[in-house]
Amino acid sequence: MSLYHAVESLLVPSIVLACAVSVAARYAPRTRERFKAGLAARLGGPSATGWRARLVRWLAPQAAAGCASGCDDGGCNTCASNSASPQGTPDKPAEQVIRLVRKR
């Protein structure tokens, strides 16, 4: 096995893993925050010292706000991406019609 194949064998799976973690964090923010909080608690929580204290502060859950918070109540309806256009009412977004056209 050459050095190229060894580096490729380590680099490609690590890139795939990083992308998978990024996608999971994007689409499961509450799970991400629970995992980070659990990891911070295992590192010693508030009583950690030195480099572990810095890592715990970095991993500590942040205050959730906006649509990326993973909320499941009506609180997410305030984001610009979910707000109604001028045609619709604030409670009900405007309907968008999608037409499928067959290419010839």
C-alpha atoms as a PDB file:
ATOM      1  CA  MET A   1       0.000   0.000   0.000  1.00  0.00           C
ATOM      2  CA  SER A   2       1.453   3.325  -1.029  1.00  0.00           C
ATOM      3  CA  LEU A   3       1.361   6.519   0.998  1.00  0.00           C
ATOM      4  CA  TYR A   4      -1.263   7.919  -1.399  1.00  0.00           C
ATOM      5  CA  HIS A   5      -3.623   5.010  -0.722  1.00  0.00           C
ATOM      6  CA  ALA A   6      -3.063   5.258   3.024  1.00  0.00           C
ATOM      7  CA  VAL A   7      -3.869   8.977   3.064  1.00  0.00           C
ATOM      8  CA  GLU A   8      -6.852   8.438   0.771  1.00  0.00           C
ATOM      9  CA  SER A   9      -8.131   5.626   2.991  1.00  0.00           C
ATOM     10  CA  LEU A  10      -8.103   7.971   5.981  1.00  0.00           C
ATOM     11  CA  LEU A  11      -9.104  11.226   4.314  1.00  0.00           C
ATOM     12  CA  VAL A  12     -12.196  10.141   2.356  1.00  0.00           C
ATOM     13  CA  PRO A  13     -14.004   8.464   5.287  1.00  0.00           C
ATOM     14  CA  SER A  14     -13.201  11.418   7.540  1.00  0.00           C
ATOM     15  CA  ILE A  15     -14.706  13.846   4.996  1.00  0.00           C
ATOM     16  CA  VAL A  16     -17.816  11.670   4.674  1.00  0.00           C
ATOM     17  CA  LEU A  17     -18.131  11.478   8.475  1.00  0.00           C
ATOM     18  CA  ALA A  18     -17.748  15.255   8.838  1.00  0.00           C
ATOM     19  CA  CYS A  19     -20.452  15.832   6.222  1.00  0.00           C
ATOM     20  CA  ALA A  20     -22.786  13.345   7.908  1.00  0.00           C
ATOM     21  CA  VAL A  21     -22.294  15.041  11.285  1.00  0.00           C
ATOM     22  CA  SER A  22     -22.904  18.445   9.697  1.00  0.00           C
ATOM     23  CA  VAL A  23     -26.159  17.307   8.084  1.00  0.00           C
ATOM     24  CA  ALA A  24     -27.328  15.614  11.282  1.00  0.00           C
ATOM     25  CA  ALA A  25     -26.558  18.767  13.284  1.00  0.00           C
ATOM     26  CA  ARG A  26     -28.427  20.920  10.779  1.00  0.00           C
ATOM     27  CA  TYR A  27     -31.580  18.828  10.698  1.00  0.00           C
ATOM     28  CA  ALA A  28     -31.601  17.629  14.337  1.00  0.00           C
ATOM     29  CA  PRO A  29     -30.612  20.676  16.416  1.00  0.00           C
ATOM     30  CA  ARG A  30     -32.212  19.484  19.668  1.00  0.00           C
ATOM     31  CA  THR A  31     -30.425  16.148  19.433  1.00  0.00           C
ATOM     32  CA  ARG A  32     -27.155  17.995  18.768  1.00  0.00           C
ATOM     33  CA  GLU A  33     -27.652  20.209  21.833  1.00  0.00           C
ATOM     34  CA  ARG A  34     -28.565  17.220  24.037  1.00  0.00           C
ATOM     35  CA  PHE A  35     -25.432  15.394  22.880  1.00  0.00           C
ATOM     36  CA  LYS A  36     -23.250  18.455  23.531  1.00  0.00           C
ATOM     37  CA  ALA A  37     -24.778  18.927  27.011  1.00  0.00           C
ATOM     38  CA  GLY A  38     -24.180  15.273  27.871  1.00  0.00           C
ATOM     39  CA  LEU A  39     -20.584  15.475  26.699  1.00  0.00           C
ATOM     40  CA  ALA A  40     -20.044  18.648  28.742  1.00  0.00           C
ATOM     41  CA  ALA A  41     -21.466  16.910  31.824  1.00  0.00           C
ATOM     42  CA  ARG A  42     -19.143  13.925  31.345  1.00  0.00           C
ATOM     43  CA  LEU A  43     -16.148  16.261  31.119  1.00  0.00           C
ATOM     44  CA  GLY A  44     -16.885  17.590  34.604  1.00  0.00           C
ATOM     45  CA  GLY A  45     -19.603  20.160  34.083  1.00  0.00           C
ATOM     46  CA  PRO A  46     -19.238  23.464  35.926  1.00  0.00           C
ATOM     47  CA  SER A  47     -16.596  22.045  38.286  1.00  0.00           C
ATOM     48  CA  ALA A  48     -14.109  21.284  35.484  1.00  0.00           C
ATOM     49  CA  THR A  49     -10.789  23.128  35.501  1.00  0.00           C
ATOM     50  CA  GLY A  50      -8.190  24.102  32.909  1.00  0.00           C
ATOM     51  CA  TRP A  51      -8.641  23.020  29.328  1.00  0.00           C
ATOM     52  CA  ARG A  52     -11.662  20.900  30.292  1.00  0.00           C
ATOM     53  CA  ALA A  53     -13.426  23.997  31.646  1.00  0.00           C
ATOM     54  CA  ARG A  54     -12.867  25.810  28.348  1.00  0.00           C
ATOM     55  CA  LEU A  55     -14.183  22.794  26.443  1.00  0.00           C
ATOM     56  CA  VAL A  56     -17.223  22.573  28.741  1.00  0.00           C
ATOM     57  CA  ARG A  57     -17.983  26.281  28.194  1.00  0.00           C
ATOM     58  CA  TRP A  58     -17.674  25.761  24.441  1.00  0.00           C
ATOM     59  CA  LEU A  59     -19.980  22.715  24.529  1.00  0.00           C
ATOM     60  CA  ALA A  60     -22.541  24.279  26.878  1.00  0.00           C
ATOM     61  CA  PRO A  61     -25.976  24.515  25.281  1.00  0.00           C
ATOM     62  CA  GLN A  62     -26.734  27.914  23.813  1.00  0.00           C
ATOM     63  CA  ALA A  63     -30.086  29.633  24.198  1.00  0.00           C
ATOM     64  CA  ALA A  64     -32.264  28.388  21.355  1.00  0.00           C
ATOM     65  CA  ALA A  65     -33.834  31.045  19.153  1.00  0.00           C
ATOM     66  CA  GLY A  66     -35.397  31.168  15.725  1.00  0.00           C
ATOM     67  CA  CYS A  67     -36.237  28.387  13.325  1.00  0.00           C
ATOM     68  CA  ALA A  68     -32.947  26.557  13.822  1.00  0.00           C
ATOM     69  CA  SER A  69     -33.878  25.895  17.452  1.00  0.00           C
ATOM     70  CA  GLY A  70     -35.917  22.813  16.541  1.00  0.00           C
ATOM     71  CA  CYS A  71     -39.002  24.127  18.299  1.00  0.00           C
ATOM     72  CA  ASP A  72     -42.229  22.300  17.649  1.00  0.00           C
ATOM     73  CA  ASP A  73     -44.697  24.901  18.889  1.00  0.00           C
ATOM     74  CA  GLY A  74     -45.912  28.036  17.140  1.00  0.00           C
ATOM     75  CA  GLY A  75     -42.724  29.948  17.978  1.00  0.00           C
ATOM     76  CA  CYS A  76     -41.057  29.170  14.658  1.00  0.00           C
ATOM     77  CA  ASN A  77     -43.648  30.998  12.601  1.00  0.00           C
ATOM     78  CA  THR A  78     -41.804  34.284  13.048  1.00  0.00           C
ATOM     79  CA  CYS A  79     -38.888  33.545  10.715  1.00  0.00           C
ATOM     80  CA  ALA A  80     -38.641  35.379   7.432  1.00  0.00           C
ATOM     81  CA  SER A  81     -38.657  32.113   5.486  1.00  0.00           C
ATOM     82  CA  ASN A  82     -41.973  31.107   7.026  1.00  0.00           C
ATOM     83  CA  SER A  83     -43.676  34.474   7.016  1.00  0.00           C
ATOM     84  CA  ALA A  84     -46.519  35.165   4.680  1.00  0.00           C
ATOM     85  CA  SER A  85     -46.117  37.140   1.514  1.00  0.00           C
ATOM     86  CA  PRO A  86     -48.176  40.307   0.972  1.00  0.00           C
ATOM     87  CA  GLN A  87     -50.903  38.215  -0.706  1.00  0.00           C
ATOM     88  CA  GLY A  88     -51.548  36.012   2.340  1.00  0.00           C
ATOM     89  CA  THR A  89     -52.632  36.749   5.868  1.00  0.00           C
ATOM     90  CA  PRO A  90     -50.114  36.589   8.743  1.00  0.00           C
ATOM     91  CA  ASP A  91     -51.775  33.410  10.048  1.00  0.00           C
ATOM     92  CA  LYS A  92     -51.951  31.589   6.732  1.00  0.00           C
ATOM     93  CA  PRO A  93     -49.097  31.786   4.203  1.00  0.00           C
ATOM     94  CA  ALA A  94     -49.894  32.487   0.567  1.00  0.00           C
ATOM     95  CA  GLU A  95     -50.426  29.415  -1.571  1.00  0.00           C
ATOM     96  CA  GLN A  96     -47.749  28.620  -4.105  1.00  0.00           C
ATOM     97  CA  VAL A  97     -48.818  26.695  -7.166  1.00  0.00           C
ATOM     98  CA  ILE A  98     -46.344  24.202  -8.640  1.00  0.00           C
ATOM     99  CA  ARG A  99     -46.896  23.061 -12.208  1.00  0.00           C
ATOM    100  CA  LEU A 100     -45.163  19.981 -13.547  1.00  0.00           C
ATOM    101  CA  VAL A 101     -44.430  20.177 -17.267  1.00  0.00           C
ATOM    102  CA  ARG A 102     -43.255  17.213 -19.323  1.00  0.00           C
ATOM    103  CA  LYS A 103     -40.199  17.916 -21.446  1.00  0.00           C
ATOM    104  CA  ARG A 104     -40.434  16.845 -25.057  1.00  0.00           C
END
